[in-house]
Amino acid sequence: MRKEKVYEFIGKLTVQFATMEHRLQGLLETLMGNSNTLVGPLFIHNMPLVALLRKIRLLSHCRIQNNSELVLELDRAIKKIDALREERNLLIHGDWKIESIESHNIKVRDFKMKYENGKWEEFSETEFTEKQLTSLVRRLDGLGNEVDYIIRKLSEIELNINTCK
């Protein structure tokens, strides 16, 4: 794969992951009630993705419990996004090996200490093919559309203001 193509993938994936997180932050703000403009900047915008997904799931079961179909759709989308979380962290925070890739797969190093096979590994290396990166871009496009649909549906219904039953 050409270097230009690798950088194109890095750019697309970075923008897609960032856009997805912003959509999810807006979704959480909507579920919280949008009544205070400080909620987003103070409590949501620096929240790790895992916490963001957990809070969306919790609040959705309280605030839209009367619309079980929408709750199920949101749960499915959250599961798909959560399944991509480790891959997202690797691609966003990993060390891309780009210097010599003309006819090889892309390698991304993850510098988390791991204990495997009786010894500590200081990093692991994951290879991605162009086909895998293309598939990831398409999956993120689809997930973005799912989240946008859920946000539109939320704007059409009245959110339950009571606590969870």
Protein backbone atom coordinates (compact mmCIF):
# COMPACT_ATOMS: atom_id res chain seq x y z
CA MET A 1 0.00 0.00 0.00
CA ARG A 2 1.32 3.45 -0.89
CA LYS A 3 2.20 5.89 1.91
CA GLU A 4 -0.40 8.35 0.62
CA LYS A 5 -3.09 5.68 0.96
CA VAL A 6 -1.98 4.91 4.53
CA TYR A 7 -2.20 8.57 5.48
CA GLU A 8 -5.61 8.75 3.82
CA PHE A 9 -6.80 5.86 6.00
CA ILE A 10 -5.31 7.41 9.14
CA GLY A 11 -7.10 10.68 8.35
CA LYS A 12 -10.44 9.04 7.57
CA LEU A 13 -10.37 6.83 10.64
CA THR A 14 -9.31 9.65 12.96
CA VAL A 15 -12.10 11.90 11.70
CA GLN A 16 -14.66 9.09 11.84
CA PHE A 17 -13.78 8.09 15.40
CA ALA A 18 -13.77 11.74 16.56
CA THR A 19 -17.10 12.42 14.84
CA MET A 20 -18.60 9.30 16.41
CA GLU A 21 -17.49 10.39 19.87
CA HIS A 22 -18.96 13.88 19.35
CA ARG A 23 -22.26 12.34 18.23
CA LEU A 24 -22.27 10.13 21.33
CA GLN A 25 -21.52 13.11 23.57
CA GLY A 26 -24.48 14.95 22.04
CA LEU A 27 -26.63 11.87 22.53
CA LEU A 28 -25.70 11.72 26.21
CA GLU A 29 -26.45 15.43 26.61
CA THR A 30 -29.87 14.84 25.04
CA LEU A 31 -30.57 11.94 27.39
CA MET A 32 -29.50 14.12 30.34
CA GLY A 33 -31.99 16.80 29.33
CA ASN A 34 -29.93 19.55 27.65
CA SER A 35 -31.09 21.90 30.39
CA ASN A 36 -27.67 23.16 31.43
CA THR A 37 -25.04 24.36 28.96
CA LEU A 38 -22.25 23.48 31.41
CA VAL A 39 -23.05 19.75 31.48
CA GLY A 40 -21.27 19.01 28.21
CA PRO A 41 -18.05 20.94 28.77
CA LEU A 42 -17.70 20.02 32.44
CA PHE A 43 -18.87 16.42 32.56
CA ILE A 44 -19.14 14.85 29.11
CA HIS A 45 -16.55 16.16 26.65
CA ASN A 46 -13.48 14.65 28.35
CA MET A 47 -15.17 11.39 29.27
CA PRO A 48 -13.46 8.20 28.10
CA LEU A 49 -15.39 6.28 25.45
CA VAL A 50 -16.08 3.31 27.72
CA ALA A 51 -17.68 5.58 30.36
CA LEU A 52 -19.61 7.49 27.69
CA LEU A 53 -21.11 4.27 26.32
CA ARG A 54 -21.94 2.99 29.82
CA LYS A 55 -23.74 6.22 30.76
CA ILE A 56 -25.68 6.33 27.47
CA ARG A 57 -26.85 2.77 28.03
CA LEU A 58 -27.88 3.49 31.63
CA LEU A 59 -29.72 6.72 30.84
CA SER A 60 -31.40 5.34 27.74
CA HIS A 61 -32.98 2.57 29.79
CA CYS A 62 -34.39 5.23 32.12
CA ARG A 63 -35.28 8.05 29.74
CA ILE A 64 -36.70 6.06 26.81
CA GLN A 65 -37.95 2.97 28.63
CA ASN A 66 -41.39 3.46 27.06
CA ASN A 67 -39.93 2.93 23.59
CA SER A 68 -38.45 -0.56 23.77
CA GLU A 69 -37.68 -0.66 20.04
CA LEU A 70 -35.51 2.45 20.28
CA VAL A 71 -33.81 1.12 23.43
CA LEU A 72 -32.94 -2.09 21.54
CA GLU A 73 -31.61 -0.15 18.55
CA LEU A 74 -29.46 1.99 20.83
CA ASP A 75 -28.19 -1.08 22.72
CA ARG A 76 -27.20 -2.75 19.42
CA ALA A 77 -25.36 0.36 18.25
CA ILE A 78 -23.54 0.69 21.59
CA LYS A 79 -22.44 -2.96 21.42
CA LYS A 80 -21.05 -2.43 17.91
CA ILE A 81 -19.20 0.71 18.96
CA ASP A 82 -17.88 -0.96 22.11
CA ALA A 83 -16.61 -3.88 20.00
CA LEU A 84 -14.48 -1.36 18.04
CA ARG A 85 -13.10 0.36 21.15
CA GLU A 86 -9.81 -1.52 21.43
CA GLU A 87 -9.20 -1.26 17.70
CA ARG A 88 -9.97 2.47 17.93
CA ASN A 89 -7.50 2.90 20.78
CA LEU A 90 -4.82 1.05 18.85
CA LEU A 91 -5.35 3.06 15.68
CA ILE A 92 -5.59 6.43 17.46
CA HIS A 93 -2.87 5.91 20.08
CA GLY A 94 -0.68 3.28 18.43
CA ASP A 95 2.69 3.73 16.76
CA TRP A 96 2.17 3.39 13.01
CA LYS A 97 5.09 1.85 11.07
CA ILE A 98 4.90 3.68 7.75
CA GLU A 99 8.51 4.04 6.59
CA SER A 100 8.65 0.90 4.41
CA ILE A 101 5.20 -0.27 3.39
CA GLU A 102 5.13 -0.25 -0.42
CA SER A 103 4.07 -3.86 -0.79
CA HIS A 104 3.39 -4.84 2.81
CA ASN A 105 0.63 -4.62 5.36
CA ILE A 106 0.49 -1.72 7.79
CA LYS A 107 1.91 -2.40 11.24
CA VAL A 108 0.71 -0.61 14.35
CA ARG A 109 2.43 -1.05 17.69
CA ASP A 110 0.62 -0.92 20.99
CA PHE A 111 2.93 -0.06 23.89
CA LYS A 112 0.82 -1.50 26.71
CA MET A 113 2.68 -3.88 28.96
CA LYS A 114 1.13 -7.35 28.72
CA TYR A 115 1.91 -10.62 30.40
CA GLU A 116 1.75 -13.43 27.84
CA ASN A 117 3.20 -16.93 27.73
CA GLY A 118 4.99 -16.50 31.06
CA LYS A 119 6.77 -13.24 30.22
CA TRP A 120 6.14 -9.53 30.05
CA GLU A 121 5.82 -8.02 26.58
CA GLU A 122 6.48 -4.29 26.32
CA PHE A 123 4.48 -3.96 23.12
CA SER A 124 2.43 -5.90 20.64
CA GLU A 125 2.25 -5.35 16.91
CA THR A 126 -0.89 -5.66 14.81
CA GLU A 127 -0.95 -5.80 11.03
CA PHE A 128 -3.72 -4.33 8.92
CA THR A 129 -4.36 -4.92 5.27
CA GLU A 130 -5.89 -2.33 2.97
CA LYS A 131 -9.00 -4.50 2.85
CA GLN A 132 -9.30 -4.49 6.66
CA LEU A 133 -8.90 -0.72 6.86
CA THR A 134 -11.46 -0.23 4.08
CA SER A 135 -13.88 -2.49 5.93
CA LEU A 136 -13.36 -0.51 9.15
CA VAL A 137 -14.05 2.79 7.36
CA ARG A 138 -17.30 1.34 5.98
CA ARG A 139 -18.36 -0.04 9.37
CA LEU A 140 -17.78 3.35 10.96
CA ASP A 141 -19.85 5.02 8.22
CA GLY A 142 -22.69 2.61 8.96
CA LEU A 143 -22.42 3.11 12.72
CA GLY A 144 -22.45 6.89 12.25
CA ASN A 145 -25.68 6.55 10.28
CA GLU A 146 -27.19 4.37 13.02
CA VAL A 147 -26.32 6.89 15.72
CA ASP A 148 -27.69 9.77 13.60
CA TYR A 149 -30.94 7.83 13.14
CA ILE A 150 -31.23 7.23 16.90
CA ILE A 151 -30.59 10.91 17.61
CA ARG A 152 -33.34 11.89 15.11
CA LYS A 153 -35.74 9.41 16.72
CA LEU A 154 -34.93 10.77 20.20
CA SER A 155 -35.86 14.27 19.04
CA GLU A 156 -39.29 12.95 17.99
CA ILE A 157 -40.26 11.40 21.31
CA GLU A 158 -40.82 12.68 24.81
CA LEU A 159 -38.13 11.54 27.21
CA ASN A 160 -39.23 10.04 30.51
CA ILE A 161 -38.35 12.49 33.28
CA ASN A 162 -38.90 9.96 36.05
CA THR A 163 -36.20 7.76 37.47
CA CYS A 164 -35.81 4.15 36.38
CA LYS A 165 -38.53 1.75 37.37
